[in-house]
Amino acid sequence: MAVKDTPPSYLLVCPAAPEGFPADAQATMPPAVRFAAIRLATAFAAVRAQLDRLIEWHAPASCTTVHKDR
């Protein structure tokens, strides 16, 4: 598919994942807070994956070299 307009370069920057919760720490969260954190993390991962796919569609292999977790 031919693309007529190239997106601005700032829209083609691969998203970086934030550092997660520390593995060596413990916390007590009420179930509602824990489920909210899980929902937020799941939604963030889905949006990041969608953005990665869009960038990869426009510029193949650009994000796979950035993300080491793949």
C-alpha atoms as a PDB file:
ATOM      1  CA  MET A   1       0.000   0.000   0.000  1.00  0.00           C
ATOM      2  CA  ALA A   2       1.428   3.354  -0.954  1.00  0.00           C
ATOM      3  CA  VAL A   3       1.437   6.016   1.730  1.00  0.00           C
ATOM      4  CA  LYS A   4       0.968   9.553   0.464  1.00  0.00           C
ATOM      5  CA  ASP A   5       2.118  11.375   3.579  1.00  0.00           C
ATOM      6  CA  THR A   6       5.007  10.384   5.801  1.00  0.00           C
ATOM      7  CA  PRO A   7       4.274  10.843   9.506  1.00  0.00           C
ATOM      8  CA  PRO A   8       6.495  13.275  11.401  1.00  0.00           C
ATOM      9  CA  SER A   9       9.592  11.642  12.870  1.00  0.00           C
ATOM     10  CA  TYR A  10       8.457  12.188  16.470  1.00  0.00           C
ATOM     11  CA  LEU A  11       5.485   9.891  15.755  1.00  0.00           C
ATOM     12  CA  LEU A  12       7.803   7.114  14.574  1.00  0.00           C
ATOM     13  CA  VAL A  13       9.864   6.895  17.762  1.00  0.00           C
ATOM     14  CA  CYS A  14       9.614   3.423  19.281  1.00  0.00           C
ATOM     15  CA  PRO A  15       8.068   3.526  22.752  1.00  0.00           C
ATOM     16  CA  ALA A  16      10.264   2.569  25.679  1.00  0.00           C
ATOM     17  CA  ALA A  17       8.849   0.417  28.445  1.00  0.00           C
ATOM     18  CA  PRO A  18       9.065   1.868  31.926  1.00  0.00           C
ATOM     19  CA  GLU A  19      10.830  -0.066  34.630  1.00  0.00           C
ATOM     20  CA  GLY A  20       8.431  -2.317  36.505  1.00  0.00           C
ATOM     21  CA  PHE A  21       7.947  -2.909  40.199  1.00  0.00           C
ATOM     22  CA  PRO A  22      11.115  -3.984  42.038  1.00  0.00           C
ATOM     23  CA  ALA A  23      11.411  -7.775  42.254  1.00  0.00           C
ATOM     24  CA  ASP A  24      13.121  -7.708  45.653  1.00  0.00           C
ATOM     25  CA  ALA A  25      10.467  -5.648  47.452  1.00  0.00           C
ATOM     26  CA  GLN A  26       7.171  -6.632  49.005  1.00  0.00           C
ATOM     27  CA  ALA A  27       3.967  -4.671  49.249  1.00  0.00           C
ATOM     28  CA  THR A  28       0.470  -5.323  50.434  1.00  0.00           C
ATOM     29  CA  MET A  29      -2.277  -4.066  48.174  1.00  0.00           C
ATOM     30  CA  PRO A  30      -5.982  -4.430  48.565  1.00  0.00           C
ATOM     31  CA  PRO A  31      -7.418  -6.623  45.791  1.00  0.00           C
ATOM     32  CA  ALA A  32      -9.130  -3.666  44.082  1.00  0.00           C
ATOM     33  CA  VAL A  33      -5.830  -1.775  43.855  1.00  0.00           C
ATOM     34  CA  ARG A  34      -3.972  -4.869  42.629  1.00  0.00           C
ATOM     35  CA  PHE A  35      -6.573  -5.493  39.930  1.00  0.00           C
ATOM     36  CA  ALA A  36      -6.430  -1.839  38.885  1.00  0.00           C
ATOM     37  CA  ALA A  37      -2.631  -2.041  38.564  1.00  0.00           C
ATOM     38  CA  ILE A  38      -2.995  -5.194  36.471  1.00  0.00           C
ATOM     39  CA  ARG A  39      -5.602  -3.516  34.240  1.00  0.00           C
ATOM     40  CA  LEU A  40      -3.363  -0.469  33.740  1.00  0.00           C
ATOM     41  CA  ALA A  41      -0.297  -2.577  32.964  1.00  0.00           C
ATOM     42  CA  THR A  42      -2.252  -4.760  30.541  1.00  0.00           C
ATOM     43  CA  ALA A  43      -3.708  -1.734  28.756  1.00  0.00           C
ATOM     44  CA  PHE A  44      -0.291  -0.064  28.561  1.00  0.00           C
ATOM     45  CA  ALA A  45       1.229  -3.229  27.074  1.00  0.00           C
ATOM     46  CA  ALA A  46      -1.550  -3.443  24.472  1.00  0.00           C
ATOM     47  CA  VAL A  47      -1.152   0.200  23.431  1.00  0.00           C
ATOM     48  CA  ARG A  48       2.637  -0.169  23.270  1.00  0.00           C
ATOM     49  CA  ALA A  49       2.285  -3.302  21.110  1.00  0.00           C
ATOM     50  CA  GLN A  50      -0.160  -1.513  18.811  1.00  0.00           C
ATOM     51  CA  LEU A  51       2.194   1.447  18.436  1.00  0.00           C
ATOM     52  CA  ASP A  52       5.102  -0.913  17.765  1.00  0.00           C
ATOM     53  CA  ARG A  53       3.085  -2.629  15.024  1.00  0.00           C
ATOM     54  CA  LEU A  54       2.186   0.706  13.439  1.00  0.00           C
ATOM     55  CA  ILE A  55       5.805   1.875  13.460  1.00  0.00           C
ATOM     56  CA  GLU A  56       7.003  -1.507  12.137  1.00  0.00           C
ATOM     57  CA  TRP A  57       4.435  -1.297   9.349  1.00  0.00           C
ATOM     58  CA  HIS A  58       5.762   2.094   8.319  1.00  0.00           C
ATOM     59  CA  ALA A  59       9.481   1.394   8.950  1.00  0.00           C
ATOM     60  CA  PRO A  60      10.145  -2.367   9.220  1.00  0.00           C
ATOM     61  CA  ALA A  61      12.609  -3.594  11.879  1.00  0.00           C
ATOM     62  CA  SER A  62      12.908  -0.171  13.524  1.00  0.00           C
ATOM     63  CA  CYS A  63      11.476  -1.179  16.906  1.00  0.00           C
ATOM     64  CA  THR A  64      12.792  -4.727  17.056  1.00  0.00           C
ATOM     65  CA  THR A  65      16.318  -3.352  17.325  1.00  0.00           C
ATOM     66  CA  VAL A  66      15.269  -0.996  20.135  1.00  0.00           C
ATOM     67  CA  HIS A  67      13.404  -3.479  22.331  1.00  0.00           C
ATOM     68  CA  LYS A  68      15.708  -6.106  23.765  1.00  0.00           C
ATOM     69  CA  ASP A  69      12.826  -7.962  25.440  1.00  0.00           C
ATOM     70  CA  ARG A  70      11.634  -9.569  22.205  1.00  0.00           C
END
